[in-house]
Amino acid sequence: MTLALSYGRQWISEEDVDAVRDCLRGDYLTQGPRVAEFEASLRRATGARYAVAVSSGTAALHLAYEALGFGPGDTGVTSAISFVATANAFLYCGGSARFADVEPDTALIDIESLRRVASTGPRPKIIAPVDLGGHTFDRLAVRRIADDLGAMVVEDAAHSLGAAYTAGGESFLVGSCAHADAAILSFHPVKHITTAEGGAVLTRHEHVYQRLLSLRSHGIHRDPTRFVRGAEDPYAGPWYYEQTELGHHYRLPDVLCALGTSQMKRLAEFVTRRRELAALYDRAFASDRFASKLRPLEVRAREGSAYHLYVVQLIERVGESLRDVARRRRRLFDSLREQGILAQVHYIPIPWQPFYAKSGAAEYPGAESYYARSLSLPMFPAMEEADVARVVAAVEEGLG
């Protein structure tokens, strides 16, 4: 029986299993030394000054916004194409979310749309563009817009751990926060490395880092130098702690950090393999038999992409509407499923969600065009060349 190929999946080694087993047999399952070890591995891999591990990528977004002072009455701007958490986290903080359109052929934030949206109405406190599929948005352009408006930047790098980008002629690692106030990561099983569920916030600001530590764990600290009660107070002692703000329970336990630290040892290997698989797909889809039917998503800096996703786009026929293209995309999706290829679509435009639908989709033509034409094909490091060939053959059959 031929196994189904999902669009993404984890790769767990015996070393990963051993790391988790050792933690399970140790003294700490949570709030122990493996959290700091995992955070140190993230700093080394990204060049970030500070890293705070949390329970999910969504928790990372919430804490990043809150630690930067985003709150009731504030507005944030993000990409129209992303998972809903990027926008939802603004609302968790009591603020509101607005959306900039994306480029239809890259799915990355459209800089002119961002400039227009951010300059109209209330000025945003935070701009949170998205690295879609492991491909990086224009950080220098976003930073310039943010500086002009007095806004902060949070990179949604949930798809791009291990990627690099160029700005001003220099190369930077995603997550270094060289052009952002914070960046977030996700460690869901389909991402570059996994902790089963988990995420992290990276930042270059010491005060943001300290606030993240507090918010991650109920707003509680155990630093005697900051206690309201003095050291000699009989109500204080080695057990004592103080809550100084309303925080959350967003900690990532040791047992999952043990898995993450082990996975991080193979991050470079994983990213290299993703790039190799992408190159195989690129060569296959460059052939004449696909020329008028389908093309890979445009990637402007292939050498720097972390290729979380491999997205292809159907080519519009003369006189064809986007709804017609979407119908053909659905037929291809169903055909692939019948052949055991579990493709996916990333993502439904957030402004289309009933919760956010307060204006027509026509306001986001780039997002609509991208969404109607796009499909994510299997992309994960454990794939073999034969798997890529199988996917390509299934796509060709599905296209008729």
Foldseek 3Di string as FASTA:
>chain_A
DDAFFAQFFFDDDVQLVVLLVVQVPDDFFFPDDLQVLLFVLLCVQAVFPGKHKWFALLVQLLLLCVLLPQAAPAEEEEALFAPCSNQVSSVVRNYHYDYFFAAQQASWGDLVSCLVVCVPDDHHQEYEYECPQQFDDQLVSVLVSCVVRVHFYEYACQAHRQFWDDDPNDIHGPQRCPRGQKYKYWAPRRHLHHLVHIMMMTGRDPSSNVSSVCQCCQQKDDDQVPDPDHPPPPVDDPVDMDRDDGHDNTGDTSSSSSSSSSSSVCSVVFQVLLLVLLVLLQVLCVDPLNVQFKHWRDHPCSVRGSRSWTKMFTHDDVPDDLVNLLVLVVLLCVLSVVVSWNKDFRDQRNCPPPVNVPDDPVVHVSNSSNRSTMITGHGGNVDDSVVSVSRSVSSSVSND
